[in-house]
Amino acid sequence: MDLATTACHQSRALLLRLTDLTAYEREIVWQPNRRLRVADFKGSVANRPSQAATSNNIRYRYPGLGLNKAHFTIETYFSCPDFYFKPSATDSRVLAHEQVHFGITELYARCFVRQLG
């Protein structure tokens, strides 16, 4: 921790250095090189029947820009607290399976974008 003071406004701030934000991530937006990890699944495993569960999401935003103008932001995302993963000997295979689900959701998002086009 560092305590910083600026001479200009005499402001004080507490600064923290975090090298790994995985524990604090609440969602992961789909990216081609970002693979899911066991640490991404933050849901409770209590009373869960299978090794893992995901249900990926597509969200869109539409800020009104006036007549005859539209700009959509469309994202596929993984909600970390909503999904669980029970570690086992087949972790890599199950992670790959869940990654495929995430990729399929991204493909549907791209189809949605084409339909808007």
PDB file of N, CA and C in Angstrom:
ATOM      1  N   MET A   1       0.835  -1.178   0.000  1.00  0.00           N
ATOM      2  CA  MET A   1       0.000   0.000   0.000  1.00  0.00           C
ATOM      3  C   MET A   1       0.881   1.243   0.000  1.00  0.00           C
ATOM      4  N   ASP A   2       0.484   2.227  -0.764  1.00  0.00           N
ATOM      5  CA  ASP A   2       1.177   3.507  -0.797  1.00  0.00           C
ATOM      6  C   ASP A   2       0.171   4.593  -0.460  1.00  0.00           C
ATOM      7  N   LEU A   3       0.603   5.577   0.267  1.00  0.00           N
ATOM      8  CA  LEU A   3      -0.240   6.727   0.553  1.00  0.00           C
ATOM      9  C   LEU A   3       0.293   7.868  -0.284  1.00  0.00           C
ATOM     10  N   ALA A   4      -0.520   8.392  -1.189  1.00  0.00           N
ATOM     11  CA  ALA A   4      -0.062   9.438  -2.099  1.00  0.00           C
ATOM     12  C   ALA A   4      -0.712  10.766  -1.744  1.00  0.00           C
ATOM     13  N   THR A   5       0.053  11.838  -1.790  1.00  0.00           N
ATOM     14  CA  THR A   5      -0.454  13.181  -1.540  1.00  0.00           C
ATOM     15  C   THR A   5      -0.042  14.066  -2.703  1.00  0.00           C
ATOM     16  N   THR A   6      -0.990  14.832  -3.242  1.00  0.00           N
ATOM     17  CA  THR A   6      -0.649  15.756  -4.319  1.00  0.00           C
ATOM     18  C   THR A   6      -0.523  17.149  -3.733  1.00  0.00           C
ATOM     19  N   ALA A   7       0.477  17.894  -4.179  1.00  0.00           N
ATOM     20  CA  ALA A   7       0.704  19.242  -3.664  1.00  0.00           C
ATOM     21  C   ALA A   7      -0.353  20.210  -4.178  1.00  0.00           C
ATOM     22  N   CYS A   8      -0.858  19.953  -5.357  1.00  0.00           N
ATOM     23  CA  CYS A   8      -1.795  20.870  -5.997  1.00  0.00           C
ATOM     24  C   CYS A   8      -3.093  21.020  -5.209  1.00  0.00           C
ATOM     25  N   HIS A   9      -3.699  19.913  -4.832  1.00  0.00           N
ATOM     26  CA  HIS A   9      -4.997  19.971  -4.168  1.00  0.00           C
ATOM     27  C   HIS A   9      -4.975  19.395  -2.756  1.00  0.00           C
ATOM     28  N   GLN A  10      -3.831  18.944  -2.321  1.00  0.00           N
ATOM     29  CA  GLN A  10      -3.710  18.330  -1.004  1.00  0.00           C
ATOM     30  C   GLN A  10      -4.687  17.167  -0.842  1.00  0.00           C
ATOM     31  N   SER A  11      -4.777  16.351  -1.902  1.00  0.00           N
ATOM     32  CA  SER A  11      -5.640  15.169  -1.870  1.00  0.00           C
ATOM     33  C   SER A  11      -4.843  13.988  -1.359  1.00  0.00           C
ATOM     34  N   ARG A  12      -5.512  13.081  -0.677  1.00  0.00           N
ATOM     35  CA  ARG A  12      -4.869  11.862  -0.201  1.00  0.00           C
ATOM     36  C   ARG A  12      -5.625  10.681  -0.768  1.00  0.00           C
ATOM     37  N   ALA A  13      -4.873   9.642  -1.112  1.00  0.00           N
ATOM     38  CA  ALA A  13      -5.503   8.443  -1.665  1.00  0.00           C
ATOM     39  C   ALA A  13      -4.739   7.216  -1.209  1.00  0.00           C
ATOM     40  N   LEU A  14      -5.452   6.155  -0.989  1.00  0.00           N
ATOM     41  CA  LEU A  14      -4.862   4.873  -0.666  1.00  0.00           C
ATOM     42  C   LEU A  14      -4.794   4.068  -1.956  1.00  0.00           C
ATOM     43  N   LEU A  15      -3.603   3.640  -2.345  1.00  0.00           N
ATOM     44  CA  LEU A  15      -3.408   2.903  -3.583  1.00  0.00           C
ATOM     45  C   LEU A  15      -3.089   1.450  -3.272  1.00  0.00           C
ATOM     46  N   LEU A  16      -3.696   0.558  -4.014  1.00  0.00           N
ATOM     47  CA  LEU A  16      -3.443  -0.868  -3.858  1.00  0.00           C
ATOM     48  C   LEU A  16      -2.900  -1.417  -5.159  1.00  0.00           C
ATOM     49  N   ARG A  17      -1.965  -2.325  -5.064  1.00  0.00           N
ATOM     50  CA  ARG A  17      -1.445  -2.992  -6.258  1.00  0.00           C
ATOM     51  C   ARG A  17      -1.935  -4.434  -6.237  1.00  0.00           C
ATOM     52  N   LEU A  18      -2.719  -4.792  -7.236  1.00  0.00           N
ATOM     53  CA  LEU A  18      -3.228  -6.149  -7.371  1.00  0.00           C
ATOM     54  C   LEU A  18      -2.641  -6.746  -8.638  1.00  0.00           C
ATOM     55  N   THR A  19      -1.943  -7.848  -8.509  1.00  0.00           N
ATOM     56  CA  THR A  19      -1.328  -8.462  -9.677  1.00  0.00           C
ATOM     57  C   THR A  19      -2.270  -9.414 -10.399  1.00  0.00           C
ATOM     58  N   ASP A  20      -3.256  -9.938  -9.695  1.00  0.00           N
ATOM     59  CA  ASP A  20      -4.197 -10.871 -10.309  1.00  0.00           C
ATOM     60  C   ASP A  20      -5.613 -10.481  -9.897  1.00  0.00           C
ATOM     61  N   LEU A  21      -6.421 -10.083 -10.856  1.00  0.00           N
ATOM     62  CA  LEU A  21      -7.789  -9.633 -10.575  1.00  0.00           C
ATOM     63  C   LEU A  21      -8.821 -10.747 -10.667  1.00  0.00           C
ATOM     64  N   THR A  22      -8.391 -11.972 -10.915  1.00  0.00           N
ATOM     65  CA  THR A  22      -9.309 -13.090 -11.117  1.00  0.00           C
ATOM     66  C   THR A  22     -10.319 -13.213  -9.980  1.00  0.00           C
ATOM     67  N   ALA A  23      -9.884 -13.066  -8.760  1.00  0.00           N
ATOM     68  CA  ALA A  23     -10.784 -13.220  -7.609  1.00  0.00           C
ATOM     69  C   ALA A  23     -11.886 -12.164  -7.585  1.00  0.00           C
ATOM     70  N   TYR A  24     -11.675 -11.052  -8.254  1.00  0.00           N
ATOM     71  CA  TYR A  24     -12.635  -9.939  -8.227  1.00  0.00           C
ATOM     72  C   TYR A  24     -13.487  -9.839  -9.483  1.00  0.00           C
ATOM     73  N   GLU A  25     -13.185 -10.637 -10.502  1.00  0.00           N
ATOM     74  CA  GLU A  25     -13.957 -10.574 -11.745  1.00  0.00           C
ATOM     75  C   GLU A  25     -15.382 -11.054 -11.520  1.00  0.00           C
ATOM     76  N   ARG A  26     -16.333 -10.306 -12.014  1.00  0.00           N
ATOM     77  CA  ARG A  26     -17.734 -10.693 -11.923  1.00  0.00           C
ATOM     78  C   ARG A  26     -18.247 -11.201 -13.268  1.00  0.00           C
ATOM     79  N   GLU A  27     -17.611 -10.772 -14.338  1.00  0.00           N
ATOM     80  CA  GLU A  27     -17.979 -11.270 -15.654  1.00  0.00           C
ATOM     81  C   GLU A  27     -16.776 -11.209 -16.586  1.00  0.00           C
ATOM     82  N   ILE A  28     -16.853 -12.030 -17.626  1.00  0.00           N
ATOM     83  CA  ILE A  28     -15.801 -12.093 -18.627  1.00  0.00           C
ATOM     84  C   ILE A  28     -16.458 -11.881 -19.979  1.00  0.00           C
ATOM     85  N   VAL A  29     -16.061 -10.842 -20.676  1.00  0.00           N
ATOM     86  CA  VAL A  29     -16.566 -10.582 -22.019  1.00  0.00           C
ATOM     87  C   VAL A  29     -15.767 -11.459 -22.980  1.00  0.00           C
ATOM     88  N   TRP A  30     -16.469 -12.101 -23.929  1.00  0.00           N
ATOM     89  CA  TRP A  30     -15.819 -13.015 -24.856  1.00  0.00           C
ATOM     90  C   TRP A  30     -14.718 -12.303 -25.634  1.00  0.00           C
ATOM     91  N   GLN A  31     -13.563 -12.932 -25.705  1.00  0.00           N
ATOM     92  CA  GLN A  31     -12.434 -12.477 -26.504  1.00  0.00           C
ATOM     93  C   GLN A  31     -11.814 -13.725 -27.134  1.00  0.00           C
ATOM     94  N   PRO A  32     -11.289 -13.619 -28.334  1.00  0.00           N
ATOM     95  CA  PRO A  32     -10.795 -14.821 -29.010  1.00  0.00           C
ATOM     96  C   PRO A  32      -9.667 -15.545 -28.272  1.00  0.00           C
ATOM     97  N   ASN A  33      -8.833 -14.842 -27.551  1.00  0.00           N
ATOM     98  CA  ASN A  33      -7.698 -15.478 -26.888  1.00  0.00           C
ATOM     99  C   ASN A  33      -7.895 -15.676 -25.390  1.00  0.00           C
ATOM    100  N   ARG A  34      -9.042 -15.336 -24.858  1.00  0.00           N
ATOM    101  CA  ARG A  34      -9.296 -15.482 -23.420  1.00  0.00           C
ATOM    102  C   ARG A  34     -10.010 -16.800 -23.182  1.00  0.00           C
ATOM    103  N   ARG A  35      -9.324 -17.750 -22.575  1.00  0.00           N
ATOM    104  CA  ARG A  35      -9.896 -19.063 -22.284  1.00  0.00           C
ATOM    105  C   ARG A  35     -10.455 -19.072 -20.870  1.00  0.00           C
ATOM    106  N   LEU A  36     -11.521 -19.812 -20.658  1.00  0.00           N
ATOM    107  CA  LEU A  36     -12.079 -19.964 -19.321  1.00  0.00           C
ATOM    108  C   LEU A  36     -11.119 -20.774 -18.458  1.00  0.00           C
ATOM    109  N   ARG A  37     -11.079 -20.428 -17.161  1.00  0.00           N
ATOM    110  CA  ARG A  37     -10.250 -21.133 -16.179  1.00  0.00           C
ATOM    111  C   ARG A  37     -11.145 -21.564 -15.029  1.00  0.00           C
ATOM    112  N   VAL A  38     -10.719 -22.527 -14.274  1.00  0.00           N
ATOM    113  CA  VAL A  38     -11.491 -22.995 -13.120  1.00  0.00           C
ATOM    114  C   VAL A  38     -11.793 -21.825 -12.189  1.00  0.00           C
ATOM    115  N   ALA A  39     -10.841 -20.923 -11.999  1.00  0.00           N
ATOM    116  CA  ALA A  39     -11.021 -19.774 -11.102  1.00  0.00           C
ATOM    117  C   ALA A  39     -12.125 -18.827 -11.561  1.00  0.00           C
ATOM    118  N   ASP A  40     -12.540 -18.908 -12.817  1.00  0.00           N
ATOM    119  CA  ASP A  40     -13.603 -18.037 -13.334  1.00  0.00           C
ATOM    120  C   ASP A  40     -14.986 -18.444 -12.836  1.00  0.00           C
ATOM    121  N   PHE A  41     -15.129 -19.675 -12.421  1.00  0.00           N
ATOM    122  CA  PHE A  41     -16.415 -20.209 -11.964  1.00  0.00           C
ATOM    123  C   PHE A  41     -16.512 -19.946 -10.467  1.00  0.00           C
ATOM    124  N   LYS A  42     -17.339 -18.983 -10.077  1.00  0.00           N
ATOM    125  CA  LYS A  42     -17.386 -18.561  -8.681  1.00  0.00           C
ATOM    126  C   LYS A  42     -18.676 -18.955  -7.957  1.00  0.00           C
ATOM    127  N   GLY A  43     -19.542 -19.684  -8.627  1.00  0.00           N
ATOM    128  CA  GLY A  43     -20.791 -20.121  -8.003  1.00  0.00           C
ATOM    129  C   GLY A  43     -20.553 -21.267  -7.039  1.00  0.00           C
ATOM    130  N   SER A  44     -21.464 -21.433  -6.122  1.00  0.00           N
ATOM    131  CA  SER A  44     -21.387 -22.504  -5.124  1.00  0.00           C
ATOM    132  C   SER A  44     -21.567 -23.871  -5.786  1.00  0.00           C
ATOM    133  N   VAL A  45     -20.797 -24.850  -5.324  1.00  0.00           N
ATOM    134  CA  VAL A  45     -20.929 -26.211  -5.848  1.00  0.00           C
ATOM    135  C   VAL A  45     -21.815 -27.074  -4.953  1.00  0.00           C
ATOM    136  N   ALA A  46     -22.321 -26.512  -3.867  1.00  0.00           N
ATOM    137  CA  ALA A  46     -23.167 -27.268  -2.944  1.00  0.00           C
ATOM    138  C   ALA A  46     -24.435 -27.751  -3.644  1.00  0.00           C
ATOM    139  N   ASN A  47     -24.727 -29.023  -3.500  1.00  0.00           N
ATOM    140  CA  ASN A  47     -25.936 -29.647  -4.054  1.00  0.00           C
ATOM    141  C   ASN A  47     -26.045 -29.506  -5.571  1.00  0.00           C
ATOM    142  N   ARG A  48     -24.927 -29.483  -6.255  1.00  0.00           N
ATOM    143  CA  ARG A  48     -24.938 -29.388  -7.716  1.00  0.00           C
ATOM    144  C   ARG A  48     -24.707 -30.769  -8.310  1.00  0.00           C
ATOM    145  N   PRO A  49     -25.522 -31.173  -9.298  1.00  0.00           N
ATOM    146  CA  PRO A  49     -25.465 -32.546  -9.803  1.00  0.00           C
ATOM    147  C   PRO A  49     -24.304 -32.842 -10.756  1.00  0.00           C
ATOM    148  N   SER A  50     -23.848 -31.872 -11.524  1.00  0.00           N
ATOM    149  CA  SER A  50     -22.812 -32.156 -12.516  1.00  0.00           C
ATOM    150  C   SER A  50     -21.502 -31.461 -12.150  1.00  0.00           C
ATOM    151  N   GLN A  51     -20.474 -31.708 -12.947  1.00  0.00           N
ATOM    152  CA  GLN A  51     -19.165 -31.137 -12.633  1.00  0.00           C
ATOM    153  C   GLN A  51     -19.120 -29.627 -12.873  1.00  0.00           C
ATOM    154  N   ALA A  52     -19.846 -29.143 -13.870  1.00  0.00           N
ATOM    155  CA  ALA A  52     -19.811 -27.710 -14.179  1.00  0.00           C
ATOM    156  C   ALA A  52     -21.130 -27.291 -14.800  1.00  0.00           C
ATOM    157  N   ALA A  53     -21.406 -25.996 -14.692  1.00  0.00           N
ATOM    158  CA  ALA A  53     -22.596 -25.445 -15.339  1.00  0.00           C
ATOM    159  C   ALA A  53     -22.315 -24.016 -15.773  1.00  0.00           C
ATOM    160  N   THR A  54     -22.682 -23.720 -17.008  1.00  0.00           N
ATOM    161  CA  THR A  54     -22.613 -22.350 -17.528  1.00  0.00           C
ATOM    162  C   THR A  54     -23.885 -22.068 -18.298  1.00  0.00           C
ATOM    163  N   SER A  55     -24.182 -20.827 -18.421  1.00  0.00           N
ATOM    164  CA  SER A  55     -25.256 -20.359 -19.274  1.00  0.00           C
ATOM    165  C   SER A  55     -24.820 -18.973 -19.712  1.00  0.00           C
ATOM    166  N   ASN A  56     -24.185 -18.911 -20.853  1.00  0.00           N
ATOM    167  CA  ASN A  56     -23.593 -17.658 -21.296  1.00  0.00           C
ATOM    168  C   ASN A  56     -24.667 -16.699 -21.781  1.00  0.00           C
ATOM    169  N   ASN A  57     -24.321 -15.443 -21.841  1.00  0.00           N
ATOM    170  CA  ASN A  57     -25.298 -14.398 -22.101  1.00  0.00           C
ATOM    171  C   ASN A  57     -24.862 -13.491 -23.237  1.00  0.00           C
ATOM    172  N   ILE A  58     -25.863 -12.913 -23.899  1.00  0.00           N
ATOM    173  CA  ILE A  58     -25.632 -11.870 -24.895  1.00  0.00           C
ATOM    174  C   ILE A  58     -26.370 -10.638 -24.385  1.00  0.00           C
ATOM    175  N   ARG A  59     -25.670  -9.523 -24.384  1.00  0.00           N
ATOM    176  CA  ARG A  59     -26.326  -8.279 -23.977  1.00  0.00           C
ATOM    177  C   ARG A  59     -26.120  -7.259 -25.076  1.00  0.00           C
ATOM    178  N   TYR A  60     -27.074  -6.368 -25.184  1.00  0.00           N
ATOM    179  CA  TYR A  60     -26.921  -5.283 -26.140  1.00  0.00           C
ATOM    180  C   TYR A  60     -27.345  -3.987 -25.483  1.00  0.00           C
ATOM    181  N   ARG A  61     -26.760  -2.929 -25.956  1.00  0.00           N
ATOM    182  CA  ARG A  61     -27.092  -1.579 -25.491  1.00  0.00           C
ATOM    183  C   ARG A  61     -27.424  -0.744 -26.714  1.00  0.00           C
ATOM    184  N   TYR A  62     -28.399   0.102 -26.533  1.00  0.00           N
ATOM    185  CA  TYR A  62     -28.807   0.970 -27.621  1.00  0.00           C
ATOM    186  C   TYR A  62     -29.032   2.369 -27.077  1.00  0.00           C
ATOM    187  N   PRO A  63     -28.018   3.209 -27.171  1.00  0.00           N
ATOM    188  CA  PRO A  63     -28.242   4.602 -26.777  1.00  0.00           C
ATOM    189  C   PRO A  63     -28.934   5.330 -27.930  1.00  0.00           C
ATOM    190  N   GLY A  64     -30.065   5.908 -27.686  1.00  0.00           N
ATOM    191  CA  GLY A  64     -30.786   6.607 -28.756  1.00  0.00           C
ATOM    192  C   GLY A  64     -29.940   7.741 -29.332  1.00  0.00           C
ATOM    193  N   LEU A  65     -29.767   7.730 -30.640  1.00  0.00           N
ATOM    194  CA  LEU A  65     -28.957   8.751 -31.309  1.00  0.00           C
ATOM    195  C   LEU A  65     -29.797   9.660 -32.202  1.00  0.00           C
ATOM    196  N   GLY A  66     -31.075   9.565 -32.107  1.00  0.00           N
ATOM    197  CA  GLY A  66     -31.920  10.402 -32.945  1.00  0.00           C
ATOM    198  C   GLY A  66     -32.549   9.617 -34.076  1.00  0.00           C
ATOM    199  N   LEU A  67     -33.233  10.318 -34.947  1.00  0.00           N
ATOM    200  CA  LEU A  67     -33.938   9.690 -36.060  1.00  0.00           C
ATOM    201  C   LEU A  67     -32.961   9.083 -37.063  1.00  0.00           C
ATOM    202  N   ASN A  68     -33.299   7.901 -37.551  1.00  0.00           N
ATOM    203  CA  ASN A  68     -32.542   7.197 -38.583  1.00  0.00           C
ATOM    204  C   ASN A  68     -31.092   6.904 -38.213  1.00  0.00           C
ATOM    205  N   LYS A  69     -30.778   6.897 -36.928  1.00  0.00           N
ATOM    206  CA  LYS A  69     -29.423   6.574 -36.492  1.00  0.00           C
ATOM    207  C   LYS A  69     -29.508   5.548 -35.368  1.00  0.00           C
ATOM    208  N   ALA A  70     -28.644   4.567 -35.465  1.00  0.00           N
ATOM    209  CA  ALA A  70     -28.604   3.546 -34.419  1.00  0.00           C
ATOM    210  C   ALA A  70     -27.167   3.079 -34.231  1.00  0.00           C
ATOM    211  N   HIS A  71     -26.799   2.862 -33.008  1.00  0.00           N
ATOM    212  CA  HIS A  71     -25.491   2.299 -32.688  1.00  0.00           C
ATOM    213  C   HIS A  71     -25.703   1.295 -31.563  1.00  0.00           C
ATOM    214  N   PHE A  72     -25.505   0.029 -31.861  1.00  0.00           N
ATOM    215  CA  PHE A  72     -25.663  -1.022 -30.880  1.00  0.00           C
ATOM    216  C   PHE A  72     -24.296  -1.471 -30.380  1.00  0.00           C
ATOM    217  N   THR A  73     -24.216  -1.771 -29.115  1.00  0.00           N
ATOM    218  CA  THR A  73     -23.058  -2.454 -28.546  1.00  0.00           C
ATOM    219  C   THR A  73     -23.550  -3.829 -28.141  1.00  0.00           C
ATOM    220  N   ILE A  74     -22.940  -4.857 -28.679  1.00  0.00           N
ATOM    221  CA  ILE A  74     -23.379  -6.228 -28.428  1.00  0.00           C
ATOM    222  C   ILE A  74     -22.195  -7.009 -27.879  1.00  0.00           C
ATOM    223  N   GLU A  75     -22.407  -7.680 -26.741  1.00  0.00           N
ATOM    224  CA  GLU A  75     -21.338  -8.435 -26.096  1.00  0.00           C
ATOM    225  C   GLU A  75     -21.842  -9.797 -25.648  1.00  0.00           C
ATOM    226  N   THR A  76     -20.981 -10.781 -25.780  1.00  0.00           N
ATOM    227  CA  THR A  76     -21.215 -12.098 -25.192  1.00  0.00           C
ATOM    228  C   THR A  76     -20.419 -12.119 -23.899  1.00  0.00           C
ATOM    229  N   TYR A  77     -21.050 -12.525 -22.808  1.00  0.00           N
ATOM    230  CA  TYR A  77     -20.320 -12.524 -21.549  1.00  0.00           C
ATOM    231  C   TYR A  77     -20.661 -13.731 -20.687  1.00  0.00           C
ATOM    232  N   PHE A  78     -19.741 -14.028 -19.812  1.00  0.00           N
ATOM    233  CA  PHE A  78     -19.812 -15.134 -18.863  1.00  0.00           C
ATOM    234  C   PHE A  78     -19.951 -14.508 -17.485  1.00  0.00           C
ATOM    235  N   SER A  79     -21.012 -14.825 -16.770  1.00  0.00           N
ATOM    236  CA  SER A  79     -21.257 -14.255 -15.444  1.00  0.00           C
ATOM    237  C   SER A  79     -20.645 -15.165 -14.375  1.00  0.00           C
ATOM    238  N   CYS A  80     -19.497 -14.790 -13.853  1.00  0.00           N
ATOM    239  CA  CYS A  80     -18.715 -15.636 -12.942  1.00  0.00           C
ATOM    240  C   CYS A  80     -19.494 -16.148 -11.721  1.00  0.00           C
ATOM    241  N   PRO A  81     -20.239 -15.302 -10.992  1.00  0.00           N
ATOM    242  CA  PRO A  81     -20.913 -15.801  -9.786  1.00  0.00           C
ATOM    243  C   PRO A  81     -22.065 -16.764 -10.053  1.00  0.00           C
ATOM    244  N   ASP A  82     -22.549 -16.798 -11.288  1.00  0.00           N
ATOM    245  CA  ASP A  82     -23.704 -17.638 -11.609  1.00  0.00           C
ATOM    246  C   ASP A  82     -23.339 -19.067 -11.995  1.00  0.00           C
ATOM    247  N   PHE A  83     -22.062 -19.353 -12.200  1.00  0.00           N
ATOM    248  CA  PHE A  83     -21.664 -20.652 -12.710  1.00  0.00           C
ATOM    249  C   PHE A  83     -20.685 -21.343 -11.779  1.00  0.00           C
ATOM    250  N   TYR A  84     -20.738 -22.653 -11.768  1.00  0.00           N
ATOM    251  CA  TYR A  84     -19.894 -23.416 -10.840  1.00  0.00           C
ATOM    252  C   TYR A  84     -19.050 -24.439 -11.575  1.00  0.00           C
ATOM    253  N   PHE A  85     -18.017 -24.909 -10.889  1.00  0.00           N
ATOM    254  CA  PHE A  85     -17.107 -25.903 -11.437  1.00  0.00           C
ATOM    255  C   PHE A  85     -16.564 -26.728 -10.282  1.00  0.00           C
ATOM    256  N   LYS A  86     -16.741 -28.036 -10.359  1.00  0.00           N
ATOM    257  CA  LYS A  86     -16.194 -28.948  -9.353  1.00  0.00           C
ATOM    258  C   LYS A  86     -14.912 -29.558  -9.910  1.00  0.00           C
ATOM    259  N   PRO A  87     -13.768 -29.224  -9.338  1.00  0.00           N
ATOM    260  CA  PRO A  87     -12.510 -29.779  -9.848  1.00  0.00           C
ATOM    261  C   PRO A  87     -12.487 -31.313  -9.781  1.00  0.00           C
ATOM    262  N   SER A  88     -11.880 -31.912 -10.807  1.00  0.00           N
ATOM    263  CA  SER A  88     -11.742 -33.359 -10.875  1.00  0.00           C
ATOM    264  C   SER A  88     -10.589 -33.699 -11.816  1.00  0.00           C
ATOM    265  N   ALA A  89     -10.414 -34.970 -12.080  1.00  0.00           N
ATOM    266  CA  ALA A  89      -9.348 -35.423 -12.981  1.00  0.00           C
ATOM    267  C   ALA A  89      -9.599 -35.012 -14.428  1.00  0.00           C
ATOM    268  N   THR A  90     -10.836 -34.626 -14.765  1.00  0.00           N
ATOM    269  CA  THR A  90     -11.175 -34.280 -16.154  1.00  0.00           C
ATOM    270  C   THR A  90     -11.320 -32.768 -16.365  1.00  0.00           C
ATOM    271  N   ASP A  91     -10.675 -31.976 -15.524  1.00  0.00           N
ATOM    272  CA  ASP A  91     -10.820 -30.513 -15.599  1.00  0.00           C
ATOM    273  C   ASP A  91     -10.584 -29.948 -16.996  1.00  0.00           C
ATOM    274  N   SER A  92      -9.500 -30.329 -17.634  1.00  0.00           N
ATOM    275  CA  SER A  92      -9.168 -29.721 -18.927  1.00  0.00           C
ATOM    276  C   SER A  92     -10.230 -30.045 -19.979  1.00  0.00           C
ATOM    277  N   ARG A  93     -10.748 -31.255 -19.957  1.00  0.00           N
ATOM    278  CA  ARG A  93     -11.783 -31.637 -20.927  1.00  0.00           C
ATOM    279  C   ARG A  93     -13.088 -30.880 -20.662  1.00  0.00           C
ATOM    280  N   VAL A  94     -13.466 -30.758 -19.394  1.00  0.00           N
ATOM    281  CA  VAL A  94     -14.703 -30.050 -19.051  1.00  0.00           C
ATOM    282  C   VAL A  94     -14.562 -28.559 -19.350  1.00  0.00           C
ATOM    283  N   LEU A  95     -13.405 -27.974 -19.053  1.00  0.00           N
ATOM    284  CA  LEU A  95     -13.185 -26.563 -19.389  1.00  0.00           C
ATOM    285  C   LEU A  95     -13.288 -26.337 -20.896  1.00  0.00           C
ATOM    286  N   ALA A  96     -12.707 -27.225 -21.675  1.00  0.00           N
ATOM    287  CA  ALA A  96     -12.799 -27.112 -23.133  1.00  0.00           C
ATOM    288  C   ALA A  96     -14.254 -27.184 -23.586  1.00  0.00           C
ATOM    289  N   HIS A  97     -15.030 -28.073 -22.972  1.00  0.00           N
ATOM    290  CA  HIS A  97     -16.450 -28.207 -23.291  1.00  0.00           C
ATOM    291  C   HIS A  97     -17.199 -26.907 -22.989  1.00  0.00           C
ATOM    292  N   GLU A  98     -16.954 -26.343 -21.813  1.00  0.00           N
ATOM    293  CA  GLU A  98     -17.627 -25.089 -21.436  1.00  0.00           C
ATOM    294  C   GLU A  98     -17.179 -23.942 -22.326  1.00  0.00           C
ATOM    295  N   GLN A  99     -15.912 -23.953 -22.762  1.00  0.00           N
ATOM    296  CA  GLN A  99     -15.414 -22.926 -23.675  1.00  0.00           C
ATOM    297  C   GLN A  99     -16.160 -22.998 -25.005  1.00  0.00           C
ATOM    298  N   VAL A 100     -16.483 -24.205 -25.456  1.00  0.00           N
ATOM    299  CA  VAL A 100     -17.254 -24.362 -26.694  1.00  0.00           C
ATOM    300  C   VAL A 100     -18.633 -23.723 -26.537  1.00  0.00           C
ATOM    301  N   HIS A 101     -19.272 -23.907 -25.381  1.00  0.00           N
ATOM    302  CA  HIS A 101     -20.568 -23.249 -25.148  1.00  0.00           C
ATOM    303  C   HIS A 101     -20.428 -21.728 -25.259  1.00  0.00           C
ATOM    304  N   PHE A 102     -19.368 -21.196 -24.662  1.00  0.00           N
ATOM    305  CA  PHE A 102     -19.115 -19.757 -24.710  1.00  0.00           C
ATOM    306  C   PHE A 102     -18.921 -19.309 -26.166  1.00  0.00           C
ATOM    307  N   GLY A 103     -18.176 -20.079 -26.939  1.00  0.00           N
ATOM    308  CA  GLY A 103     -17.953 -19.766 -28.348  1.00  0.00           C
ATOM    309  C   GLY A 103     -19.223 -19.820 -29.174  1.00  0.00           C
ATOM    310  N   ILE A 104     -20.073 -20.789 -28.904  1.00  0.00           N
ATOM    311  CA  ILE A 104     -21.359 -20.895 -29.623  1.00  0.00           C
ATOM    312  C   ILE A 104     -22.219 -19.671 -29.336  1.00  0.00           C
ATOM    313  N   THR A 105     -22.214 -19.216 -28.098  1.00  0.00           N
ATOM    314  CA  THR A 105     -22.974 -18.006 -27.753  1.00  0.00           C
ATOM    315  C   THR A 105     -22.446 -16.810 -28.531  1.00  0.00           C
ATOM    316  N   GLU A 106     -21.121 -16.713 -28.666  1.00  0.00           N
ATOM    317  CA  GLU A 106     -20.521 -15.629 -29.464  1.00  0.00           C
ATOM    318  C   GLU A 106     -20.965 -15.729 -30.927  1.00  0.00           C
ATOM    319  N   LEU A 107     -21.058 -16.926 -31.469  1.00  0.00           N
ATOM    320  CA  LEU A 107     -21.531 -17.086 -32.851  1.00  0.00           C
ATOM    321  C   LEU A 107     -22.965 -16.578 -33.006  1.00  0.00           C
ATOM    322  N   TYR A 108     -23.814 -16.860 -32.036  1.00  0.00           N
ATOM    323  CA  TYR A 108     -25.187 -16.343 -32.081  1.00  0.00           C
ATOM    324  C   TYR A 108     -25.205 -14.817 -31.986  1.00  0.00           C
ATOM    325  N   ALA A 109     -24.321 -14.254 -31.189  1.00  0.00           N
ATOM    326  CA  ALA A 109     -24.237 -12.790 -31.106  1.00  0.00           C
ATOM    327  C   ALA A 109     -23.846 -12.204 -32.459  1.00  0.00           C
ATOM    328  N   ARG A 110     -22.921 -12.862 -33.148  1.00  0.00           N
ATOM    329  CA  ARG A 110     -22.512 -12.383 -34.476  1.00  0.00           C
ATOM    330  C   ARG A 110     -23.646 -12.492 -35.488  1.00  0.00           C
ATOM    331  N   CYS A 111     -24.439 -13.557 -35.387  1.00  0.00           N
ATOM    332  CA  CYS A 111     -25.624 -13.685 -36.259  1.00  0.00           C
ATOM    333  C   CYS A 111     -26.599 -12.550 -35.987  1.00  0.00           C
ATOM    334  N   PHE A 112     -26.773 -12.202 -34.730  1.00  0.00           N
ATOM    335  CA  PHE A 112     -27.646 -11.092 -34.348  1.00  0.00           C
ATOM    336  C   PHE A 112     -27.140  -9.795 -34.976  1.00  0.00           C
ATOM    337  N   VAL A 113     -25.834  -9.565 -34.917  1.00  0.00           N
ATOM    338  CA  VAL A 113     -25.249  -8.363 -35.510  1.00  0.00           C
ATOM    339  C   VAL A 113     -25.525  -8.328 -37.013  1.00  0.00           C
ATOM    340  N   ARG A 114     -25.361  -9.464 -37.684  1.00  0.00           N
ATOM    341  CA  ARG A 114     -25.634  -9.507 -39.138  1.00  0.00           C
ATOM    342  C   ARG A 114     -27.103  -9.203 -39.435  1.00  0.00           C
ATOM    343  N   GLN A 115     -27.999  -9.677 -38.600  1.00  0.00           N
ATOM    344  CA  GLN A 115     -29.424  -9.414 -38.819  1.00  0.00           C
ATOM    345  C   GLN A 115     -29.736  -7.905 -38.670  1.00  0.00           C
ATOM    346  N   LEU A 116     -28.985  -7.233 -37.820  1.00  0.00           N
ATOM    347  CA  LEU A 116     -29.194  -5.786 -37.637  1.00  0.00           C
ATOM    348  C   LEU A 116     -28.652  -4.993 -38.817  1.00  0.00           C
ATOM    349  N   GLY A 117     -27.629  -5.571 -39.484  1.00  0.00           N
ATOM    350  CA  GLY A 117     -26.884  -4.873 -40.511  1.00  0.00           C
ATOM    351  C   GLY A 117     -27.626  -4.466 -41.698  1.00  0.00           C
TER     352      GLY A 117
END
